């Protein structure tokens, strides 16, 4: 799997485990079903990440958000956008850690992923062979402003237009 962020390809510092008793380093990534065991065993001494399906409810993650370093949201296909909604909901609940989208996404979805609060995207090797890092970075820079307020930008079109409105002009929005 290729892991990339706004700067390009990067190494994954999290070790994937399938069981709570599996040895791992200081940063572990495990299925969400193991979260209680991991937190009980490892406490606050390790960076813990969880892998969730895009059907997971944000409410289920909420009690753990302050103790997680990474949440990986699985995208079963590039045409299933539920992971974008889940990422936004997790951010709205105050998650400050790393959000990673994982699955067969397309470079054109990279700006949307960043706008929803994802820091990084992990794509299968077959997709990476067809869509090199340069395509992902070009896509990320293709859209400089959006209408929605998002988690990576300081400005949006709506606020810029509102700020440019002459003083005293009535708002219709």
N, C-alpha and C. Protein backbone atom coordinates (compact mmCIF):
# COMPACT_ATOMS: atom_id res chain seq x y z
N UNK A 1 0.84 -1.18 0.00
CA UNK A 1 0.00 0.00 0.00
C UNK A 1 0.89 1.25 0.00
N UNK A 2 0.46 2.23 -0.76
CA UNK A 2 1.17 3.51 -0.83
C UNK A 2 0.49 4.48 0.13
N UNK A 3 1.27 5.09 1.01
CA UNK A 3 0.76 6.08 1.94
C UNK A 3 1.27 7.44 1.50
N UNK A 4 0.36 8.41 1.38
CA UNK A 4 0.79 9.74 0.97
C UNK A 4 -0.02 10.81 1.66
N UNK A 5 0.61 11.99 1.75
CA UNK A 5 -0.05 13.17 2.31
C UNK A 5 0.18 14.33 1.36
N UNK A 6 -0.04 15.55 1.79
CA UNK A 6 0.11 16.73 0.92
C UNK A 6 1.52 16.86 0.33
N UNK A 7 2.53 16.31 1.02
CA UNK A 7 3.91 16.43 0.55
C UNK A 7 4.33 15.28 -0.35
N UNK A 8 3.58 14.19 -0.38
CA UNK A 8 3.94 13.05 -1.21
C UNK A 8 3.96 11.75 -0.42
N UNK A 9 4.69 10.76 -0.95
CA UNK A 9 4.76 9.44 -0.32
C UNK A 9 5.48 9.53 1.01
N UNK A 10 5.06 8.68 1.94
CA UNK A 10 5.68 8.67 3.27
C UNK A 10 5.65 7.27 3.84
N UNK A 11 6.49 7.05 4.82
CA UNK A 11 6.54 5.75 5.50
C UNK A 11 5.46 5.69 6.57
N UNK A 12 4.93 4.51 6.79
CA UNK A 12 3.93 4.32 7.84
C UNK A 12 4.65 3.95 9.13
N UNK A 13 4.46 4.74 10.17
CA UNK A 13 5.13 4.48 11.45
C UNK A 13 4.30 3.57 12.35
N UNK A 14 3.08 3.26 11.95
CA UNK A 14 2.22 2.38 12.74
C UNK A 14 2.38 0.93 12.30
N UNK A 15 2.51 0.03 13.27
CA UNK A 15 2.58 -1.42 13.00
C UNK A 15 1.17 -1.99 13.10
N UNK A 16 0.76 -2.71 12.08
CA UNK A 16 -0.57 -3.32 12.07
C UNK A 16 -0.56 -4.61 12.88
N UNK A 17 -1.56 -4.74 13.73
CA UNK A 17 -1.72 -5.97 14.50
C UNK A 17 -3.17 -6.45 14.35
N UNK A 18 -3.37 -7.75 14.54
CA UNK A 18 -4.71 -8.33 14.42
C UNK A 18 -5.26 -8.79 15.77
N UNK A 19 -4.35 -8.97 16.76
CA UNK A 19 -4.77 -9.36 18.10
C UNK A 19 -4.08 -8.45 19.11
N UNK A 20 -4.72 -8.26 20.25
CA UNK A 20 -4.19 -7.34 21.26
C UNK A 20 -2.89 -7.84 21.87
N UNK A 21 -2.66 -9.14 21.87
CA UNK A 21 -1.45 -9.69 22.49
C UNK A 21 -0.29 -9.81 21.50
N UNK A 22 -0.49 -9.41 20.29
CA UNK A 22 0.55 -9.46 19.26
C UNK A 22 1.61 -8.40 19.56
N UNK A 23 2.89 -8.77 19.53
CA UNK A 23 3.93 -7.77 19.81
C UNK A 23 3.96 -6.68 18.73
N UNK A 24 4.24 -5.47 19.17
CA UNK A 24 4.32 -4.35 18.23
C UNK A 24 5.16 -3.25 18.85
N UNK A 25 5.45 -2.25 18.08
CA UNK A 25 6.27 -1.15 18.55
C UNK A 25 5.48 -0.13 19.35
N UNK A 26 5.96 1.09 19.34
CA UNK A 26 5.33 2.17 20.11
C UNK A 26 4.07 2.71 19.45
N UNK A 27 3.86 2.43 18.18
CA UNK A 27 2.68 2.89 17.46
C UNK A 27 2.00 1.70 16.81
N UNK A 28 0.78 1.40 17.24
CA UNK A 28 0.08 0.23 16.73
C UNK A 28 -1.23 0.63 16.07
N UNK A 29 -1.60 -0.14 15.06
CA UNK A 29 -2.86 0.03 14.34
C UNK A 29 -3.59 -1.29 14.38
N UNK A 30 -4.81 -1.29 14.91
CA UNK A 30 -5.57 -2.52 15.09
C UNK A 30 -7.03 -2.30 14.70
N UNK A 31 -7.75 -3.39 14.46
CA UNK A 31 -9.19 -3.26 14.21
C UNK A 31 -9.89 -2.63 15.41
N UNK A 32 -10.95 -1.89 15.14
CA UNK A 32 -11.69 -1.20 16.18
C UNK A 32 -12.20 -2.16 17.27
N UNK A 33 -12.47 -3.40 16.92
CA UNK A 33 -12.97 -4.37 17.89
C UNK A 33 -11.99 -4.59 19.04
N UNK A 34 -10.72 -4.26 18.85
CA UNK A 34 -9.69 -4.48 19.88
C UNK A 34 -9.43 -3.24 20.74
N UNK A 35 -10.15 -2.16 20.52
CA UNK A 35 -9.81 -0.90 21.17
C UNK A 35 -9.78 -0.98 22.68
N UNK A 36 -10.76 -1.61 23.30
CA UNK A 36 -10.79 -1.68 24.76
C UNK A 36 -9.59 -2.46 25.30
N UNK A 37 -9.26 -3.57 24.65
CA UNK A 37 -8.10 -4.38 25.08
C UNK A 37 -6.81 -3.59 24.92
N UNK A 38 -6.66 -2.90 23.81
CA UNK A 38 -5.43 -2.12 23.58
C UNK A 38 -5.26 -1.02 24.61
N UNK A 39 -6.32 -0.30 24.87
CA UNK A 39 -6.23 0.80 25.84
C UNK A 39 -5.97 0.27 27.24
N UNK A 40 -6.53 -0.88 27.59
CA UNK A 40 -6.31 -1.46 28.91
C UNK A 40 -4.87 -1.95 29.05
N UNK A 41 -4.36 -2.60 28.01
CA UNK A 41 -3.00 -3.16 28.05
C UNK A 41 -1.91 -2.12 27.90
N UNK A 42 -2.10 -1.26 26.94
CA UNK A 42 -1.03 -0.34 26.56
C UNK A 42 -1.16 1.02 27.22
N UNK A 43 -2.33 1.31 27.74
CA UNK A 43 -2.52 2.58 28.43
C UNK A 43 -2.16 3.76 27.56
N UNK A 44 -1.54 4.75 28.16
CA UNK A 44 -1.17 5.96 27.44
C UNK A 44 0.29 5.95 27.00
N UNK A 45 0.95 4.80 27.14
CA UNK A 45 2.37 4.71 26.81
C UNK A 45 2.63 4.50 25.32
N UNK A 46 1.62 4.15 24.55
CA UNK A 46 1.80 3.89 23.13
C UNK A 46 0.84 4.72 22.31
N UNK A 47 1.22 4.95 21.09
CA UNK A 47 0.31 5.61 20.16
C UNK A 47 -0.57 4.52 19.56
N UNK A 48 -1.87 4.69 19.71
CA UNK A 48 -2.81 3.67 19.26
C UNK A 48 -3.65 4.21 18.12
N UNK A 49 -3.76 3.38 17.09
CA UNK A 49 -4.61 3.70 15.96
C UNK A 49 -5.62 2.59 15.75
N UNK A 50 -6.77 2.94 15.20
CA UNK A 50 -7.79 1.94 14.92
C UNK A 50 -8.22 2.01 13.47
N UNK A 51 -8.56 0.85 12.95
CA UNK A 51 -9.08 0.72 11.60
C UNK A 51 -10.58 0.51 11.71
N UNK A 52 -11.36 1.39 11.07
CA UNK A 52 -12.82 1.27 11.12
C UNK A 52 -13.38 1.19 9.71
N UNK A 53 -14.52 0.55 9.60
CA UNK A 53 -15.23 0.50 8.33
C UNK A 53 -15.93 1.84 8.12
N UNK A 54 -16.26 2.15 6.90
CA UNK A 54 -16.93 3.42 6.64
C UNK A 54 -18.39 3.40 7.10
N UNK A 55 -18.86 2.27 7.59
CA UNK A 55 -20.21 2.15 8.13
C UNK A 55 -20.23 2.38 9.64
N UNK A 56 -19.07 2.55 10.24
CA UNK A 56 -18.97 2.80 11.69
C UNK A 56 -19.67 4.13 12.01
N UNK A 57 -20.30 4.19 13.15
CA UNK A 57 -20.94 5.42 13.59
C UNK A 57 -19.94 6.25 14.38
N UNK A 58 -19.91 7.55 14.14
CA UNK A 58 -19.00 8.44 14.86
C UNK A 58 -19.24 8.37 16.36
N UNK A 59 -20.47 8.14 16.76
CA UNK A 59 -20.80 8.05 18.19
C UNK A 59 -20.06 6.89 18.85
N UNK A 60 -19.82 5.81 18.11
CA UNK A 60 -19.11 4.66 18.67
C UNK A 60 -17.65 5.00 18.97
N UNK A 61 -17.07 5.90 18.19
CA UNK A 61 -15.68 6.29 18.38
C UNK A 61 -15.50 7.39 19.43
N UNK A 62 -16.54 8.15 19.66
CA UNK A 62 -16.44 9.35 20.49
C UNK A 62 -15.78 9.13 21.85
N UNK A 63 -16.11 8.06 22.60
CA UNK A 63 -15.48 7.90 23.92
C UNK A 63 -13.96 7.70 23.86
N UNK A 64 -13.44 7.36 22.69
CA UNK A 64 -12.02 7.02 22.55
C UNK A 64 -11.20 8.12 21.88
N UNK A 65 -11.83 9.12 21.32
CA UNK A 65 -11.13 10.08 20.46
C UNK A 65 -9.92 10.73 21.12
N UNK A 66 -10.02 11.08 22.38
CA UNK A 66 -8.91 11.77 23.06
C UNK A 66 -7.69 10.86 23.25
N UNK A 67 -7.88 9.55 23.20
CA UNK A 67 -6.77 8.62 23.45
C UNK A 67 -6.21 7.99 22.18
N UNK A 68 -6.78 8.30 21.04
CA UNK A 68 -6.32 7.72 19.78
C UNK A 68 -5.39 8.68 19.05
N UNK A 69 -4.35 8.12 18.45
CA UNK A 69 -3.41 8.91 17.65
C UNK A 69 -3.77 8.86 16.16
N UNK A 70 -4.47 7.80 15.76
CA UNK A 70 -4.77 7.58 14.34
C UNK A 70 -6.10 6.87 14.21
N UNK A 71 -6.90 7.31 13.25
CA UNK A 71 -8.09 6.58 12.84
C UNK A 71 -7.99 6.37 11.34
N UNK A 72 -8.05 5.11 10.93
CA UNK A 72 -8.02 4.75 9.51
C UNK A 72 -9.43 4.34 9.11
N UNK A 73 -9.98 5.04 8.13
CA UNK A 73 -11.32 4.73 7.64
C UNK A 73 -11.18 3.98 6.33
N UNK A 74 -11.72 2.76 6.29
CA UNK A 74 -11.64 1.92 5.11
C UNK A 74 -12.68 2.35 4.07
N UNK A 75 -12.23 2.47 2.84
CA UNK A 75 -13.10 2.74 1.71
C UNK A 75 -13.15 1.47 0.87
N UNK A 76 -14.27 0.76 0.84
CA UNK A 76 -14.32 -0.48 0.07
C UNK A 76 -14.22 -0.27 -1.44
N UNK A 77 -14.61 0.93 -1.90
CA UNK A 77 -14.47 1.26 -3.31
C UNK A 77 -14.32 2.76 -3.44
N UNK A 78 -13.84 3.18 -4.58
CA UNK A 78 -13.65 4.59 -4.83
C UNK A 78 -14.95 5.34 -5.04
N UNK A 79 -16.05 4.61 -5.22
CA UNK A 79 -17.34 5.25 -5.45
C UNK A 79 -18.21 5.29 -4.20
N UNK A 80 -17.68 4.84 -3.08
CA UNK A 80 -18.43 4.82 -1.82
C UNK A 80 -17.92 5.96 -0.95
N UNK A 81 -18.69 7.04 -0.85
CA UNK A 81 -18.23 8.25 -0.17
C UNK A 81 -18.58 8.35 1.30
N UNK A 82 -19.10 7.28 1.91
CA UNK A 82 -19.48 7.37 3.32
C UNK A 82 -18.31 7.68 4.24
N UNK A 83 -17.11 7.30 3.85
CA UNK A 83 -15.92 7.59 4.65
C UNK A 83 -15.66 9.08 4.78
N UNK A 84 -16.00 9.86 3.75
CA UNK A 84 -15.83 11.31 3.82
C UNK A 84 -16.74 11.90 4.89
N UNK A 85 -17.98 11.44 4.92
CA UNK A 85 -18.93 11.92 5.93
C UNK A 85 -18.48 11.53 7.33
N UNK A 86 -18.01 10.30 7.48
CA UNK A 86 -17.54 9.85 8.78
C UNK A 86 -16.35 10.67 9.25
N UNK A 87 -15.42 10.97 8.35
CA UNK A 87 -14.25 11.79 8.71
C UNK A 87 -14.69 13.16 9.22
N UNK A 88 -15.61 13.77 8.53
CA UNK A 88 -16.08 15.10 8.94
C UNK A 88 -16.75 15.03 10.32
N UNK A 89 -17.55 14.00 10.55
CA UNK A 89 -18.22 13.84 11.83
C UNK A 89 -17.21 13.63 12.96
N UNK A 90 -16.17 12.87 12.69
CA UNK A 90 -15.13 12.63 13.70
C UNK A 90 -14.41 13.93 14.03
N UNK A 91 -14.10 14.73 13.03
CA UNK A 91 -13.46 16.03 13.26
C UNK A 91 -14.38 16.96 14.05
N UNK A 92 -15.65 16.95 13.71
CA UNK A 92 -16.61 17.81 14.42
C UNK A 92 -16.73 17.43 15.88
N UNK A 93 -16.42 16.19 16.20
CA UNK A 93 -16.46 15.73 17.60
C UNK A 93 -15.15 16.00 18.33
N UNK A 94 -14.22 16.65 17.66
CA UNK A 94 -13.01 17.10 18.33
C UNK A 94 -11.78 16.24 18.18
N UNK A 95 -11.78 15.26 17.29
CA UNK A 95 -10.59 14.42 17.12
C UNK A 95 -9.44 15.25 16.56
N UNK A 96 -8.29 15.23 17.24
CA UNK A 96 -7.12 16.03 16.85
C UNK A 96 -6.01 15.19 16.21
N UNK A 97 -6.16 13.88 16.22
CA UNK A 97 -5.12 13.00 15.70
C UNK A 97 -5.13 12.91 14.18
N UNK A 98 -4.44 11.92 13.68
CA UNK A 98 -4.30 11.70 12.24
C UNK A 98 -5.51 10.92 11.73
N UNK A 99 -6.09 11.38 10.64
CA UNK A 99 -7.15 10.66 9.95
C UNK A 99 -6.58 10.18 8.62
N UNK A 100 -6.78 8.89 8.35
CA UNK A 100 -6.26 8.29 7.11
C UNK A 100 -7.39 7.61 6.36
N UNK A 101 -7.51 7.89 5.07
CA UNK A 101 -8.43 7.19 4.19
C UNK A 101 -7.66 6.01 3.59
N UNK A 102 -8.27 4.84 3.58
CA UNK A 102 -7.57 3.66 3.07
C UNK A 102 -8.46 2.90 2.10
N UNK A 103 -7.99 2.75 0.87
CA UNK A 103 -8.75 2.01 -0.12
C UNK A 103 -8.49 2.53 -1.52
N UNK A 104 -9.25 2.01 -2.48
CA UNK A 104 -9.02 2.36 -3.89
C UNK A 104 -9.63 3.70 -4.29
N UNK A 105 -9.14 4.75 -3.67
CA UNK A 105 -9.61 6.09 -4.02
C UNK A 105 -8.93 6.56 -5.31
N UNK A 106 -9.41 7.70 -5.81
CA UNK A 106 -8.87 8.29 -7.04
C UNK A 106 -8.18 9.61 -6.70
N UNK A 107 -7.17 10.00 -7.47
CA UNK A 107 -6.51 11.28 -7.19
C UNK A 107 -7.48 12.46 -7.14
N UNK A 108 -8.53 12.44 -7.97
CA UNK A 108 -9.49 13.54 -7.97
C UNK A 108 -10.24 13.66 -6.64
N UNK A 109 -10.21 12.61 -5.82
CA UNK A 109 -10.87 12.64 -4.52
C UNK A 109 -9.96 13.17 -3.42
N UNK A 110 -8.70 13.36 -3.71
CA UNK A 110 -7.73 13.81 -2.71
C UNK A 110 -8.10 15.17 -2.11
N UNK A 111 -8.45 16.18 -2.93
CA UNK A 111 -8.83 17.47 -2.32
C UNK A 111 -10.04 17.34 -1.39
N UNK A 112 -11.01 16.52 -1.78
CA UNK A 112 -12.19 16.32 -0.93
C UNK A 112 -11.80 15.63 0.37
N UNK A 113 -10.91 14.66 0.29
CA UNK A 113 -10.45 13.96 1.50
C UNK A 113 -9.77 14.95 2.45
N UNK A 114 -8.92 15.79 1.92
CA UNK A 114 -8.25 16.79 2.75
C UNK A 114 -9.25 17.77 3.36
N UNK A 115 -10.24 18.18 2.57
CA UNK A 115 -11.25 19.12 3.06
C UNK A 115 -12.12 18.52 4.16
N UNK A 116 -12.30 17.21 4.14
CA UNK A 116 -13.12 16.54 5.16
C UNK A 116 -12.34 16.28 6.45
N UNK A 117 -11.04 16.50 6.42
CA UNK A 117 -10.25 16.32 7.63
C UNK A 117 -9.21 15.22 7.57
N UNK A 118 -9.11 14.51 6.46
CA UNK A 118 -8.07 13.49 6.34
C UNK A 118 -6.71 14.16 6.21
N UNK A 119 -5.69 13.56 6.82
CA UNK A 119 -4.31 14.02 6.67
C UNK A 119 -3.60 13.25 5.56
N UNK A 120 -4.00 11.99 5.40
CA UNK A 120 -3.27 11.12 4.49
C UNK A 120 -4.21 10.10 3.86
N UNK A 121 -3.74 9.53 2.75
CA UNK A 121 -4.49 8.53 2.00
C UNK A 121 -3.58 7.34 1.76
N UNK A 122 -4.14 6.17 1.91
CA UNK A 122 -3.41 4.91 1.69
C UNK A 122 -4.13 4.18 0.56
N UNK A 123 -3.41 3.92 -0.53
CA UNK A 123 -4.04 3.27 -1.68
C UNK A 123 -3.34 1.95 -1.99
N UNK A 124 -4.09 1.00 -2.53
CA UNK A 124 -3.50 -0.30 -2.89
C UNK A 124 -2.40 -0.13 -3.94
N UNK A 125 -1.46 -1.06 -3.94
CA UNK A 125 -0.34 -1.00 -4.87
C UNK A 125 -0.78 -0.97 -6.33
N UNK A 126 -1.84 -1.71 -6.67
CA UNK A 126 -2.33 -1.72 -8.06
C UNK A 126 -2.78 -0.32 -8.47
N UNK A 127 -3.45 0.39 -7.58
CA UNK A 127 -3.87 1.76 -7.88
C UNK A 127 -2.66 2.69 -7.97
N UNK A 128 -1.71 2.51 -7.08
CA UNK A 128 -0.51 3.35 -7.07
C UNK A 128 0.28 3.19 -8.37
N UNK A 129 0.27 2.00 -8.95
CA UNK A 129 0.98 1.78 -10.21
C UNK A 129 0.33 2.56 -11.35
N UNK A 130 -1.00 2.68 -11.31
CA UNK A 130 -1.73 3.41 -12.35
C UNK A 130 -1.80 4.90 -12.09
N UNK A 131 -1.71 5.28 -10.81
CA UNK A 131 -1.87 6.68 -10.42
C UNK A 131 -0.68 7.08 -9.55
N UNK A 132 0.43 7.47 -10.16
CA UNK A 132 1.63 7.80 -9.38
C UNK A 132 1.43 9.01 -8.47
N UNK A 133 2.33 9.16 -7.55
CA UNK A 133 2.27 10.22 -6.54
C UNK A 133 2.09 11.59 -7.19
N UNK A 134 2.75 11.83 -8.31
CA UNK A 134 2.65 13.14 -8.98
C UNK A 134 1.20 13.48 -9.33
N UNK A 135 0.40 12.48 -9.73
CA UNK A 135 -1.01 12.73 -10.04
C UNK A 135 -1.78 13.14 -8.78
N UNK A 136 -1.47 12.50 -7.66
CA UNK A 136 -2.14 12.83 -6.40
C UNK A 136 -1.81 14.25 -5.95
N UNK A 137 -0.54 14.61 -6.05
CA UNK A 137 -0.14 15.94 -5.63
C UNK A 137 -0.71 17.02 -6.55
N UNK A 138 -0.77 16.74 -7.84
CA UNK A 138 -1.36 17.69 -8.78
C UNK A 138 -2.84 17.88 -8.47
N UNK A 139 -3.53 16.78 -8.16
CA UNK A 139 -4.95 16.86 -7.83
C UNK A 139 -5.17 17.66 -6.54
N UNK A 140 -4.31 17.47 -5.57
CA UNK A 140 -4.45 18.17 -4.29
C UNK A 140 -4.31 19.68 -4.47
N UNK A 141 -3.51 20.10 -5.43
CA UNK A 141 -3.26 21.52 -5.65
C UNK A 141 -4.16 22.15 -6.71
N UNK A 142 -4.97 21.33 -7.35
CA UNK A 142 -5.82 21.81 -8.44
C UNK A 142 -6.92 22.73 -7.94
N UNK A 143 -7.44 22.46 -6.76
CA UNK A 143 -8.53 23.27 -6.21
C UNK A 143 -7.97 24.07 -5.04
N UNK A 144 -7.97 25.39 -5.19
CA UNK A 144 -7.37 26.22 -4.14
C UNK A 144 -8.40 26.73 -3.14
N UNK A 145 -9.66 26.86 -3.56
CA UNK A 145 -10.72 27.34 -2.67
C UNK A 145 -11.97 26.48 -2.84
N UNK A 146 -12.74 26.39 -1.77
CA UNK A 146 -14.02 25.66 -1.82
C UNK A 146 -15.10 26.54 -1.21
N UNK A 147 -16.34 26.19 -1.45
CA UNK A 147 -17.44 26.94 -0.84
C UNK A 147 -17.60 26.59 0.63
N UNK A 148 -17.34 25.33 0.98
CA UNK A 148 -17.53 24.90 2.36
C UNK A 148 -16.34 25.28 3.22
N UNK A 149 -16.61 25.51 4.49
CA UNK A 149 -15.53 25.65 5.46
C UNK A 149 -15.00 24.25 5.70
N UNK A 150 -13.69 24.10 5.69
CA UNK A 150 -13.16 22.76 5.90
C UNK A 150 -12.04 22.78 6.91
N UNK A 151 -11.44 21.62 7.11
CA UNK A 151 -10.48 21.46 8.18
C UNK A 151 -9.04 21.74 7.79
N UNK A 152 -8.77 22.01 6.52
CA UNK A 152 -7.41 22.28 6.13
C UNK A 152 -7.18 23.69 5.63
N UNK A 153 -8.24 24.38 5.29
CA UNK A 153 -8.09 25.69 4.67
C UNK A 153 -8.44 26.81 5.66
N UNK A 154 -7.84 27.94 5.43
CA UNK A 154 -8.14 29.10 6.27
C UNK A 154 -9.18 30.00 5.61
N UNK A 155 -9.39 29.86 4.32
CA UNK A 155 -10.35 30.68 3.60
C UNK A 155 -11.27 29.80 2.77
N UNK A 156 -12.48 30.30 2.52
CA UNK A 156 -13.39 29.65 1.59
C UNK A 156 -14.10 30.74 0.79
N UNK A 157 -14.69 30.35 -0.31
CA UNK A 157 -15.31 31.32 -1.21
C UNK A 157 -16.44 32.08 -0.51
N UNK A 158 -17.23 31.37 0.28
CA UNK A 158 -18.35 32.01 0.97
C UNK A 158 -17.87 33.15 1.87
N UNK A 159 -16.87 32.90 2.69
CA UNK A 159 -16.37 33.94 3.60
C UNK A 159 -15.69 35.08 2.84
N UNK A 160 -14.98 34.77 1.77
CA UNK A 160 -14.35 35.82 0.97
C UNK A 160 -15.39 36.73 0.34
N UNK A 161 -16.46 36.14 -0.18
CA UNK A 161 -17.53 36.96 -0.79
C UNK A 161 -18.23 37.79 0.27
N UNK A 162 -18.46 37.21 1.42
CA UNK A 162 -19.12 37.94 2.51
C UNK A 162 -18.23 39.11 2.95
N UNK A 163 -16.93 38.90 3.04
CA UNK A 163 -16.00 39.95 3.44
C UNK A 163 -15.88 41.05 2.42
N UNK A 164 -16.10 40.72 1.15
CA UNK A 164 -15.99 41.71 0.08
C UNK A 164 -17.26 42.54 -0.10
N UNK A 165 -18.33 42.14 0.57
CA UNK A 165 -19.61 42.85 0.45
C UNK A 165 -19.47 44.25 1.04
N UNK A 166 -19.96 45.25 0.34
CA UNK A 166 -19.90 46.62 0.88
C UNK A 166 -20.62 46.73 2.23
N UNK A 167 -20.10 47.57 3.09
CA UNK A 167 -20.68 47.76 4.42
C UNK A 167 -22.13 48.20 4.29
N UNK A 168 -23.00 47.60 5.09
CA UNK A 168 -24.40 47.98 5.12
C UNK A 168 -25.26 47.23 4.11
N UNK A 169 -24.65 46.50 3.18
CA UNK A 169 -25.43 45.76 2.19
C UNK A 169 -26.11 44.57 2.88
N UNK A 170 -27.39 44.38 2.59
CA UNK A 170 -28.15 43.33 3.23
C UNK A 170 -27.73 41.96 2.71
N UNK A 171 -27.66 41.00 3.62
CA UNK A 171 -27.30 39.62 3.25
C UNK A 171 -28.55 38.87 2.84
N UNK A 172 -28.41 38.05 1.82
CA UNK A 172 -29.52 37.20 1.37
C UNK A 172 -29.21 35.73 1.60
N UNK A 173 -28.32 35.40 2.50
CA UNK A 173 -27.96 34.00 2.71
C UNK A 173 -28.30 33.61 4.06
